[in-house]
Amino acid sequence: MGVKGRLAWNLKVDKVAKPLFQSTYRELMNYLIETCGTVEEINKKMKEIGFRVGEHLLMDYAERIRKHAKAFHEFGSTLQLAYKVNSGQDFTSTWISGDRRTIKFTDEKCPLCEGVEIKDMPGLQYCNLVSGVFQAVLTLRGFNGDAYQESCRAVGDASCTWAIKLLE
């Protein structure tokens, strides 16, 4: 990050206390675990909530930045910046497929599931809210794509990984 980026990060970007955000997120997950019948339903609801969050974030981002990814593969840097602004950290890695139709984002220190360990819910995508945010960005920017979580530290994986895939 350059000097301008550091200044903007320190002076212009609104921040939320990490413990407050994590506590709120955990209670949302606890509520869904208690009220949903299946892991698939929890995953679906988290993605839907993430989509609605993504709508708000994209509108805020659009008003401030006025720059958008024009090609699908440009979402790598756009979503990296959005993740940094909203989580306070960078992805550990970003990978773009050779055909530029799939982008994967990995975070080995995901703040959403930090300190969370779930052993009795196979298939749970604890951090699926991020997939929903990514889905909103794709959809609202006019791309026919799918966003999904591939791995999650909360259920024992080494990292949290999300993928976005261009369908057409």
N, C-alpha and C. Protein backbone atom coordinates (compact mmCIF):
# COMPACT_ATOMS: atom_id res chain seq x y z
N MET A 1 0.85 -1.17 0.00
CA MET A 1 0.00 0.00 0.00
C MET A 1 0.90 1.23 0.00
N GLY A 2 0.58 2.18 -0.87
CA GLY A 2 1.37 3.39 -0.97
C GLY A 2 1.01 4.40 0.11
N VAL A 3 1.65 5.56 0.03
CA VAL A 3 1.41 6.61 1.02
C VAL A 3 -0.04 7.07 0.99
N LYS A 4 -0.60 7.28 -0.20
CA LYS A 4 -2.00 7.70 -0.30
C LYS A 4 -2.92 6.65 0.31
N GLY A 5 -2.64 5.40 0.02
CA GLY A 5 -3.46 4.31 0.57
C GLY A 5 -3.40 4.26 2.08
N ARG A 6 -2.21 4.44 2.64
CA ARG A 6 -2.06 4.43 4.11
C ARG A 6 -2.80 5.59 4.75
N LEU A 7 -2.69 6.77 4.13
CA LEU A 7 -3.41 7.93 4.66
C LEU A 7 -4.91 7.70 4.62
N ALA A 8 -5.40 7.22 3.48
CA ALA A 8 -6.84 6.96 3.36
C ALA A 8 -7.28 5.92 4.38
N TRP A 9 -6.47 4.87 4.55
CA TRP A 9 -6.81 3.81 5.50
C TRP A 9 -6.90 4.38 6.92
N ASN A 10 -5.95 5.21 7.30
CA ASN A 10 -5.92 5.74 8.66
C ASN A 10 -6.92 6.86 8.91
N LEU A 11 -7.22 7.66 7.89
CA LEU A 11 -8.04 8.84 8.11
C LEU A 11 -9.46 8.74 7.55
N LYS A 12 -9.66 8.02 6.48
CA LYS A 12 -10.95 8.06 5.78
C LYS A 12 -11.82 6.83 5.97
N VAL A 13 -11.22 5.69 6.22
CA VAL A 13 -11.99 4.45 6.27
C VAL A 13 -12.59 4.25 7.65
N ASP A 14 -13.93 4.10 7.67
CA ASP A 14 -14.61 3.81 8.93
C ASP A 14 -14.22 2.42 9.41
N LYS A 15 -14.07 2.27 10.70
CA LYS A 15 -13.68 0.98 11.26
C LYS A 15 -14.64 0.58 12.38
N VAL A 16 -14.80 -0.73 12.54
CA VAL A 16 -15.62 -1.30 13.59
C VAL A 16 -14.71 -2.14 14.47
N ALA A 17 -14.94 -2.13 15.76
CA ALA A 17 -14.13 -2.93 16.67
C ALA A 17 -14.30 -4.41 16.35
N LYS A 18 -13.18 -5.10 16.17
CA LYS A 18 -13.19 -6.51 15.80
C LYS A 18 -13.97 -7.38 16.80
N PRO A 19 -13.77 -7.22 18.12
CA PRO A 19 -14.55 -8.05 19.06
C PRO A 19 -16.06 -7.84 18.93
N LEU A 20 -16.48 -6.61 18.68
CA LEU A 20 -17.91 -6.33 18.51
C LEU A 20 -18.44 -7.05 17.28
N PHE A 21 -17.73 -6.93 16.17
CA PHE A 21 -18.16 -7.58 14.94
C PHE A 21 -18.20 -9.10 15.10
N GLN A 22 -17.13 -9.67 15.66
CA GLN A 22 -17.08 -11.12 15.83
C GLN A 22 -18.20 -11.63 16.75
N SER A 23 -18.47 -10.90 17.81
CA SER A 23 -19.55 -11.30 18.73
C SER A 23 -20.90 -11.26 18.04
N THR A 24 -21.14 -10.22 17.28
CA THR A 24 -22.40 -10.10 16.54
C THR A 24 -22.54 -11.23 15.53
N TYR A 25 -21.46 -11.51 14.79
CA TYR A 25 -21.47 -12.57 13.79
C TYR A 25 -21.72 -13.93 14.44
N ARG A 26 -21.07 -14.18 15.56
CA ARG A 26 -21.25 -15.47 16.26
C ARG A 26 -22.69 -15.64 16.73
N GLU A 27 -23.29 -14.57 17.23
CA GLU A 27 -24.68 -14.66 17.67
C GLU A 27 -25.62 -14.88 16.50
N LEU A 28 -25.34 -14.27 15.36
CA LEU A 28 -26.13 -14.52 14.16
C LEU A 28 -26.02 -16.00 13.77
N MET A 29 -24.82 -16.53 13.79
CA MET A 29 -24.62 -17.95 13.46
C MET A 29 -25.33 -18.84 14.48
N ASN A 30 -25.22 -18.51 15.76
CA ASN A 30 -25.91 -19.30 16.79
C ASN A 30 -27.42 -19.31 16.55
N TYR A 31 -27.97 -18.15 16.20
CA TYR A 31 -29.40 -18.05 15.91
C TYR A 31 -29.78 -18.94 14.73
N LEU A 32 -28.99 -18.89 13.66
CA LEU A 32 -29.29 -19.72 12.49
C LEU A 32 -29.15 -21.21 12.81
N ILE A 33 -28.15 -21.56 13.58
CA ILE A 33 -27.96 -22.97 13.97
C ILE A 33 -29.16 -23.47 14.77
N GLU A 34 -29.70 -22.60 15.64
CA GLU A 34 -30.85 -22.98 16.46
C GLU A 34 -32.15 -23.04 15.67
N THR A 35 -32.30 -22.19 14.64
CA THR A 35 -33.59 -22.07 13.96
C THR A 35 -33.67 -22.76 12.61
N CYS A 36 -32.56 -23.10 12.02
CA CYS A 36 -32.58 -23.76 10.71
C CYS A 36 -32.56 -25.27 10.89
N GLY A 37 -33.18 -25.97 9.97
CA GLY A 37 -33.27 -27.41 10.09
C GLY A 37 -32.04 -28.17 9.62
N THR A 38 -31.29 -27.59 8.69
CA THR A 38 -30.15 -28.31 8.11
C THR A 38 -28.96 -27.37 7.92
N VAL A 39 -27.80 -27.96 7.74
CA VAL A 39 -26.59 -27.19 7.44
C VAL A 39 -26.76 -26.46 6.11
N GLU A 40 -27.39 -27.11 5.14
CA GLU A 40 -27.61 -26.48 3.84
C GLU A 40 -28.46 -25.22 3.97
N GLU A 41 -29.46 -25.27 4.85
CA GLU A 41 -30.31 -24.10 5.07
C GLU A 41 -29.52 -22.97 5.73
N ILE A 42 -28.67 -23.31 6.68
CA ILE A 42 -27.81 -22.30 7.32
C ILE A 42 -26.91 -21.65 6.27
N ASN A 43 -26.26 -22.47 5.44
CA ASN A 43 -25.37 -21.95 4.40
C ASN A 43 -26.13 -21.03 3.45
N LYS A 44 -27.33 -21.44 3.06
CA LYS A 44 -28.14 -20.64 2.13
C LYS A 44 -28.52 -19.30 2.77
N LYS A 45 -28.97 -19.34 4.01
CA LYS A 45 -29.38 -18.10 4.69
C LYS A 45 -28.19 -17.14 4.87
N MET A 46 -27.03 -17.69 5.22
CA MET A 46 -25.84 -16.83 5.37
C MET A 46 -25.48 -16.17 4.05
N LYS A 47 -25.60 -16.91 2.96
CA LYS A 47 -25.29 -16.32 1.64
C LYS A 47 -26.32 -15.25 1.29
N GLU A 48 -27.59 -15.48 1.61
CA GLU A 48 -28.63 -14.48 1.36
C GLU A 48 -28.37 -13.21 2.17
N ILE A 49 -28.02 -13.37 3.43
CA ILE A 49 -27.70 -12.21 4.27
C ILE A 49 -26.49 -11.49 3.71
N GLY A 50 -25.48 -12.24 3.32
CA GLY A 50 -24.29 -11.65 2.71
C GLY A 50 -24.61 -10.87 1.45
N PHE A 51 -25.55 -11.39 0.65
CA PHE A 51 -25.96 -10.69 -0.57
C PHE A 51 -26.53 -9.32 -0.22
N ARG A 52 -27.40 -9.29 0.78
CA ARG A 52 -28.00 -8.00 1.18
C ARG A 52 -26.94 -7.05 1.74
N VAL A 53 -26.00 -7.59 2.51
CA VAL A 53 -24.88 -6.77 3.00
C VAL A 53 -24.08 -6.24 1.81
N GLY A 54 -23.83 -7.11 0.85
CA GLY A 54 -23.07 -6.73 -0.34
C GLY A 54 -23.73 -5.62 -1.14
N GLU A 55 -25.06 -5.64 -1.21
CA GLU A 55 -25.78 -4.56 -1.90
C GLU A 55 -25.45 -3.22 -1.26
N HIS A 56 -25.51 -3.17 0.06
CA HIS A 56 -25.22 -1.92 0.77
C HIS A 56 -23.76 -1.50 0.59
N LEU A 57 -22.86 -2.46 0.72
CA LEU A 57 -21.43 -2.15 0.58
C LEU A 57 -21.10 -1.66 -0.82
N LEU A 58 -21.69 -2.29 -1.84
CA LEU A 58 -21.41 -1.88 -3.22
C LEU A 58 -21.91 -0.47 -3.48
N MET A 59 -23.09 -0.14 -2.98
CA MET A 59 -23.62 1.21 -3.18
C MET A 59 -22.71 2.24 -2.50
N ASP A 60 -22.26 1.95 -1.30
CA ASP A 60 -21.36 2.84 -0.59
C ASP A 60 -20.04 2.97 -1.35
N TYR A 61 -19.50 1.85 -1.80
CA TYR A 61 -18.24 1.83 -2.55
C TYR A 61 -18.39 2.61 -3.85
N ALA A 62 -19.51 2.41 -4.56
CA ALA A 62 -19.73 3.07 -5.84
C ALA A 62 -19.77 4.59 -5.68
N GLU A 63 -20.38 5.05 -4.60
CA GLU A 63 -20.47 6.49 -4.37
C GLU A 63 -19.10 7.10 -4.07
N ARG A 64 -18.28 6.36 -3.35
CA ARG A 64 -16.97 6.89 -2.95
C ARG A 64 -15.92 6.77 -4.05
N ILE A 65 -15.85 5.63 -4.69
CA ILE A 65 -14.76 5.33 -5.60
C ILE A 65 -15.09 5.68 -7.05
N ARG A 66 -16.28 5.38 -7.48
CA ARG A 66 -16.74 5.60 -8.85
C ARG A 66 -15.92 4.83 -9.89
N LYS A 67 -15.23 3.79 -9.48
CA LYS A 67 -14.48 2.92 -10.38
C LYS A 67 -14.97 1.50 -10.17
N HIS A 68 -15.13 0.79 -11.26
CA HIS A 68 -15.62 -0.58 -11.15
C HIS A 68 -14.80 -1.50 -12.04
N ALA A 69 -14.76 -2.76 -11.68
CA ALA A 69 -14.13 -3.76 -12.53
C ALA A 69 -14.97 -3.88 -13.80
N LYS A 70 -14.31 -3.80 -14.94
CA LYS A 70 -15.04 -3.91 -16.21
C LYS A 70 -14.99 -5.33 -16.75
N ALA A 71 -13.91 -6.02 -16.49
CA ALA A 71 -13.75 -7.41 -16.91
C ALA A 71 -13.78 -8.30 -15.67
N PHE A 72 -14.25 -9.53 -15.83
CA PHE A 72 -14.40 -10.44 -14.70
C PHE A 72 -13.11 -10.59 -13.91
N HIS A 73 -11.99 -10.80 -14.60
CA HIS A 73 -10.73 -11.06 -13.90
C HIS A 73 -10.25 -9.86 -13.07
N GLU A 74 -10.79 -8.67 -13.33
CA GLU A 74 -10.43 -7.49 -12.55
C GLU A 74 -11.04 -7.51 -11.15
N PHE A 75 -11.99 -8.41 -10.91
CA PHE A 75 -12.60 -8.50 -9.58
C PHE A 75 -11.59 -8.91 -8.52
N GLY A 76 -10.50 -9.55 -8.93
CA GLY A 76 -9.48 -9.95 -7.96
C GLY A 76 -9.00 -8.78 -7.14
N SER A 77 -8.59 -7.71 -7.80
CA SER A 77 -8.08 -6.55 -7.07
C SER A 77 -9.21 -5.76 -6.41
N THR A 78 -10.37 -5.70 -7.05
CA THR A 78 -11.51 -4.98 -6.48
C THR A 78 -11.95 -5.62 -5.16
N LEU A 79 -12.10 -6.94 -5.16
CA LEU A 79 -12.56 -7.62 -3.95
C LEU A 79 -11.47 -7.69 -2.89
N GLN A 80 -10.21 -7.69 -3.32
CA GLN A 80 -9.09 -7.63 -2.36
C GLN A 80 -9.18 -6.32 -1.57
N LEU A 81 -9.39 -5.21 -2.29
CA LEU A 81 -9.51 -3.91 -1.63
C LEU A 81 -10.74 -3.88 -0.72
N ALA A 82 -11.86 -4.38 -1.20
CA ALA A 82 -13.08 -4.38 -0.39
C ALA A 82 -12.89 -5.21 0.88
N TYR A 83 -12.22 -6.34 0.76
CA TYR A 83 -11.97 -7.19 1.94
C TYR A 83 -11.08 -6.47 2.93
N LYS A 84 -10.06 -5.79 2.43
CA LYS A 84 -9.13 -5.04 3.29
C LYS A 84 -9.89 -3.94 4.04
N VAL A 85 -10.72 -3.21 3.31
CA VAL A 85 -11.46 -2.10 3.92
C VAL A 85 -12.43 -2.62 4.98
N ASN A 86 -13.07 -3.75 4.72
CA ASN A 86 -14.11 -4.23 5.62
C ASN A 86 -13.65 -5.20 6.69
N SER A 87 -12.48 -5.82 6.52
CA SER A 87 -12.00 -6.76 7.54
C SER A 87 -10.74 -6.26 8.24
N GLY A 88 -10.09 -5.28 7.64
CA GLY A 88 -8.86 -4.76 8.23
C GLY A 88 -7.62 -5.54 7.84
N GLN A 89 -7.76 -6.51 6.96
CA GLN A 89 -6.60 -7.30 6.55
C GLN A 89 -6.75 -7.74 5.10
N ASP A 90 -5.62 -8.12 4.52
CA ASP A 90 -5.59 -8.61 3.15
C ASP A 90 -5.87 -10.11 3.12
N PHE A 91 -6.29 -10.60 1.96
CA PHE A 91 -6.32 -12.05 1.75
C PHE A 91 -4.88 -12.54 1.81
N THR A 92 -4.69 -13.77 2.24
CA THR A 92 -3.37 -14.38 2.23
C THR A 92 -2.91 -14.57 0.79
N SER A 93 -3.84 -14.97 -0.08
CA SER A 93 -3.51 -15.12 -1.50
C SER A 93 -4.76 -14.96 -2.35
N THR A 94 -4.52 -14.56 -3.59
CA THR A 94 -5.57 -14.48 -4.60
C THR A 94 -5.05 -15.21 -5.82
N TRP A 95 -5.88 -16.08 -6.40
CA TRP A 95 -5.48 -16.87 -7.55
C TRP A 95 -6.50 -16.67 -8.67
N ILE A 96 -6.02 -16.45 -9.89
CA ILE A 96 -6.89 -16.33 -11.06
C ILE A 96 -6.53 -17.46 -12.02
N SER A 97 -7.54 -18.19 -12.47
CA SER A 97 -7.30 -19.32 -13.37
C SER A 97 -6.74 -18.82 -14.71
N GLY A 98 -6.10 -19.71 -15.43
CA GLY A 98 -5.51 -19.36 -16.72
C GLY A 98 -6.52 -18.82 -17.71
N ASP A 99 -7.75 -19.32 -17.67
CA ASP A 99 -8.78 -18.82 -18.58
C ASP A 99 -9.51 -17.59 -18.03
N ARG A 100 -9.09 -17.13 -16.86
CA ARG A 100 -9.63 -15.92 -16.20
C ARG A 100 -11.12 -16.03 -15.89
N ARG A 101 -11.61 -17.24 -15.67
CA ARG A 101 -13.03 -17.44 -15.39
C ARG A 101 -13.30 -17.85 -13.94
N THR A 102 -12.23 -18.09 -13.18
CA THR A 102 -12.36 -18.44 -11.77
C THR A 102 -11.33 -17.66 -10.97
N ILE A 103 -11.77 -17.09 -9.86
CA ILE A 103 -10.86 -16.38 -8.96
C ILE A 103 -11.08 -16.97 -7.57
N LYS A 104 -9.97 -17.30 -6.89
CA LYS A 104 -10.06 -17.83 -5.53
C LYS A 104 -9.33 -16.89 -4.57
N PHE A 105 -9.95 -16.67 -3.44
CA PHE A 105 -9.42 -15.80 -2.39
C PHE A 105 -9.22 -16.65 -1.14
N THR A 106 -8.03 -16.61 -0.58
CA THR A 106 -7.72 -17.41 0.61
C THR A 106 -7.29 -16.50 1.75
N ASP A 107 -7.80 -16.79 2.94
CA ASP A 107 -7.39 -16.08 4.15
C ASP A 107 -7.07 -17.12 5.22
N GLU A 108 -5.82 -17.18 5.59
CA GLU A 108 -5.38 -18.13 6.62
C GLU A 108 -5.64 -17.62 8.03
N LYS A 109 -6.07 -16.36 8.14
CA LYS A 109 -6.37 -15.76 9.45
C LYS A 109 -7.72 -15.05 9.40
N CYS A 110 -8.70 -15.72 8.85
CA CYS A 110 -10.03 -15.13 8.65
C CYS A 110 -10.59 -14.59 9.97
N PRO A 111 -10.95 -13.30 9.99
CA PRO A 111 -11.46 -12.71 11.23
C PRO A 111 -12.87 -13.19 11.58
N LEU A 112 -13.63 -13.69 10.61
CA LEU A 112 -14.99 -14.14 10.90
C LEU A 112 -15.00 -15.38 11.79
N CYS A 113 -14.08 -16.29 11.54
CA CYS A 113 -14.12 -17.55 12.30
C CYS A 113 -12.94 -17.70 13.25
N GLU A 114 -12.24 -16.62 13.49
CA GLU A 114 -11.12 -16.66 14.43
C GLU A 114 -11.61 -17.15 15.79
N GLY A 115 -10.97 -18.19 16.30
CA GLY A 115 -11.33 -18.73 17.60
C GLY A 115 -12.54 -19.64 17.61
N VAL A 116 -13.13 -19.90 16.44
CA VAL A 116 -14.32 -20.75 16.35
C VAL A 116 -13.89 -22.15 15.92
N GLU A 117 -14.43 -23.15 16.60
CA GLU A 117 -14.13 -24.54 16.25
C GLU A 117 -15.43 -25.34 16.31
N ILE A 118 -15.87 -25.82 15.14
CA ILE A 118 -17.12 -26.58 15.05
C ILE A 118 -16.78 -27.95 14.48
N LYS A 119 -17.04 -28.98 15.25
CA LYS A 119 -16.67 -30.33 14.81
C LYS A 119 -17.86 -31.20 14.45
N ASP A 120 -19.07 -30.77 14.79
CA ASP A 120 -20.23 -31.64 14.62
C ASP A 120 -21.19 -31.19 13.53
N MET A 121 -20.74 -30.35 12.61
CA MET A 121 -21.61 -29.87 11.54
C MET A 121 -20.89 -29.94 10.19
N PRO A 122 -20.65 -31.14 9.67
CA PRO A 122 -19.96 -31.25 8.39
C PRO A 122 -20.69 -30.50 7.30
N GLY A 123 -19.93 -29.82 6.46
CA GLY A 123 -20.51 -29.06 5.36
C GLY A 123 -20.86 -27.63 5.70
N LEU A 124 -20.77 -27.25 6.97
CA LEU A 124 -21.10 -25.88 7.36
C LEU A 124 -20.09 -24.92 6.74
N GLN A 125 -20.61 -23.89 6.13
CA GLN A 125 -19.77 -22.82 5.57
C GLN A 125 -19.93 -21.61 6.48
N TYR A 126 -19.21 -21.62 7.57
CA TYR A 126 -19.36 -20.63 8.63
C TYR A 126 -19.18 -19.20 8.11
N CYS A 127 -18.29 -19.02 7.17
CA CYS A 127 -17.98 -17.68 6.65
C CYS A 127 -18.66 -17.41 5.32
N ASN A 128 -19.80 -18.04 5.08
CA ASN A 128 -20.49 -17.93 3.80
C ASN A 128 -21.06 -16.54 3.55
N LEU A 129 -21.11 -15.71 4.56
CA LEU A 129 -21.53 -14.33 4.37
C LEU A 129 -20.67 -13.66 3.30
N VAL A 130 -19.38 -13.96 3.29
CA VAL A 130 -18.46 -13.38 2.30
C VAL A 130 -18.88 -13.82 0.90
N SER A 131 -19.29 -15.07 0.73
CA SER A 131 -19.77 -15.54 -0.58
C SER A 131 -20.96 -14.72 -1.04
N GLY A 132 -21.85 -14.42 -0.12
CA GLY A 132 -23.01 -13.60 -0.47
C GLY A 132 -22.64 -12.20 -0.89
N VAL A 133 -21.67 -11.61 -0.19
CA VAL A 133 -21.19 -10.27 -0.58
C VAL A 133 -20.61 -10.33 -1.99
N PHE A 134 -19.77 -11.33 -2.25
CA PHE A 134 -19.18 -11.48 -3.58
C PHE A 134 -20.26 -11.70 -4.64
N GLN A 135 -21.29 -12.50 -4.30
CA GLN A 135 -22.38 -12.76 -5.24
C GLN A 135 -23.11 -11.47 -5.58
N ALA A 136 -23.34 -10.63 -4.60
CA ALA A 136 -24.01 -9.35 -4.84
C ALA A 136 -23.19 -8.49 -5.79
N VAL A 137 -21.90 -8.42 -5.57
CA VAL A 137 -21.04 -7.61 -6.44
C VAL A 137 -21.11 -8.14 -7.87
N LEU A 138 -20.99 -9.44 -8.04
CA LEU A 138 -21.07 -10.02 -9.39
C LEU A 138 -22.41 -9.71 -10.05
N THR A 139 -23.48 -9.99 -9.34
CA THR A 139 -24.82 -9.82 -9.89
C THR A 139 -25.12 -8.36 -10.20
N LEU A 140 -24.85 -7.48 -9.27
CA LEU A 140 -25.16 -6.07 -9.47
C LEU A 140 -24.27 -5.41 -10.51
N ARG A 141 -23.12 -5.99 -10.78
CA ARG A 141 -22.24 -5.47 -11.84
C ARG A 141 -22.53 -6.12 -13.18
N GLY A 142 -23.55 -6.99 -13.22
CA GLY A 142 -24.01 -7.56 -14.49
C GLY A 142 -23.29 -8.82 -14.95
N PHE A 143 -22.59 -9.49 -14.05
CA PHE A 143 -21.89 -10.73 -14.43
C PHE A 143 -22.72 -11.94 -14.01
N ASN A 144 -22.81 -12.93 -14.90
CA ASN A 144 -23.46 -14.18 -14.57
C ASN A 144 -22.41 -15.09 -13.95
N GLY A 145 -22.38 -15.11 -12.64
CA GLY A 145 -21.35 -15.87 -11.95
C GLY A 145 -21.88 -16.49 -10.67
N ASP A 146 -21.05 -17.29 -10.05
CA ASP A 146 -21.41 -17.93 -8.80
C ASP A 146 -20.28 -17.73 -7.80
N ALA A 147 -20.63 -17.38 -6.58
CA ALA A 147 -19.66 -17.22 -5.50
C ALA A 147 -19.96 -18.27 -4.44
N TYR A 148 -18.92 -18.90 -3.93
CA TYR A 148 -19.13 -19.95 -2.94
C TYR A 148 -17.89 -20.10 -2.06
N GLN A 149 -18.09 -20.68 -0.89
CA GLN A 149 -16.98 -20.94 0.03
C GLN A 149 -16.51 -22.37 -0.19
N GLU A 150 -15.20 -22.53 -0.38
CA GLU A 150 -14.62 -23.86 -0.61
C GLU A 150 -14.09 -24.50 0.67
N SER A 151 -13.57 -23.69 1.57
CA SER A 151 -13.01 -24.23 2.81
C SER A 151 -13.20 -23.22 3.93
N CYS A 152 -13.14 -23.73 5.17
CA CYS A 152 -13.38 -22.85 6.32
C CYS A 152 -12.60 -23.34 7.54
N ARG A 153 -11.88 -22.43 8.15
CA ARG A 153 -11.09 -22.75 9.35
C ARG A 153 -11.98 -23.20 10.50
N ALA A 154 -13.19 -22.67 10.59
CA ALA A 154 -14.08 -23.01 11.70
C ALA A 154 -14.41 -24.50 11.76
N VAL A 155 -14.36 -25.17 10.61
CA VAL A 155 -14.69 -26.60 10.58
C VAL A 155 -13.45 -27.46 10.38
N GLY A 156 -12.27 -26.88 10.60
CA GLY A 156 -11.05 -27.66 10.61
C GLY A 156 -10.13 -27.52 9.41
N ASP A 157 -10.52 -26.75 8.41
CA ASP A 157 -9.64 -26.54 7.26
C ASP A 157 -8.50 -25.60 7.63
N ALA A 158 -7.43 -25.62 6.85
CA ALA A 158 -6.26 -24.80 7.14
C ALA A 158 -6.51 -23.32 6.87
N SER A 159 -7.47 -23.02 6.00
CA SER A 159 -7.75 -21.63 5.65
C SER A 159 -9.20 -21.50 5.21
N CYS A 160 -9.64 -20.27 5.11
CA CYS A 160 -10.94 -19.99 4.50
C CYS A 160 -10.66 -19.61 3.05
N THR A 161 -11.37 -20.26 2.14
CA THR A 161 -11.20 -19.97 0.72
C THR A 161 -12.57 -19.76 0.10
N TRP A 162 -12.69 -18.69 -0.66
CA TRP A 162 -13.90 -18.39 -1.41
C TRP A 162 -13.54 -18.37 -2.88
N ALA A 163 -14.49 -18.74 -3.72
CA ALA A 163 -14.26 -18.72 -5.16
C ALA A 163 -15.40 -17.98 -5.83
N ILE A 164 -15.07 -17.29 -6.90
CA ILE A 164 -16.09 -16.74 -7.79
C ILE A 164 -15.79 -17.31 -9.16
N LYS A 165 -16.86 -17.70 -9.85
CA LYS A 165 -16.71 -18.36 -11.13
C LYS A 165 -17.65 -17.73 -12.14
N LEU A 166 -17.12 -17.36 -13.28
CA LEU A 166 -17.92 -16.81 -14.37
C LEU A 166 -18.63 -17.96 -15.05
N LEU A 167 -19.95 -17.87 -15.19
CA LEU A 167 -20.72 -18.98 -15.75
C LEU A 167 -20.90 -18.86 -17.26
N GLU A 168 -20.89 -17.68 -17.82
CA GLU A 168 -21.04 -17.51 -19.28
C GLU A 168 -19.80 -16.92 -19.86
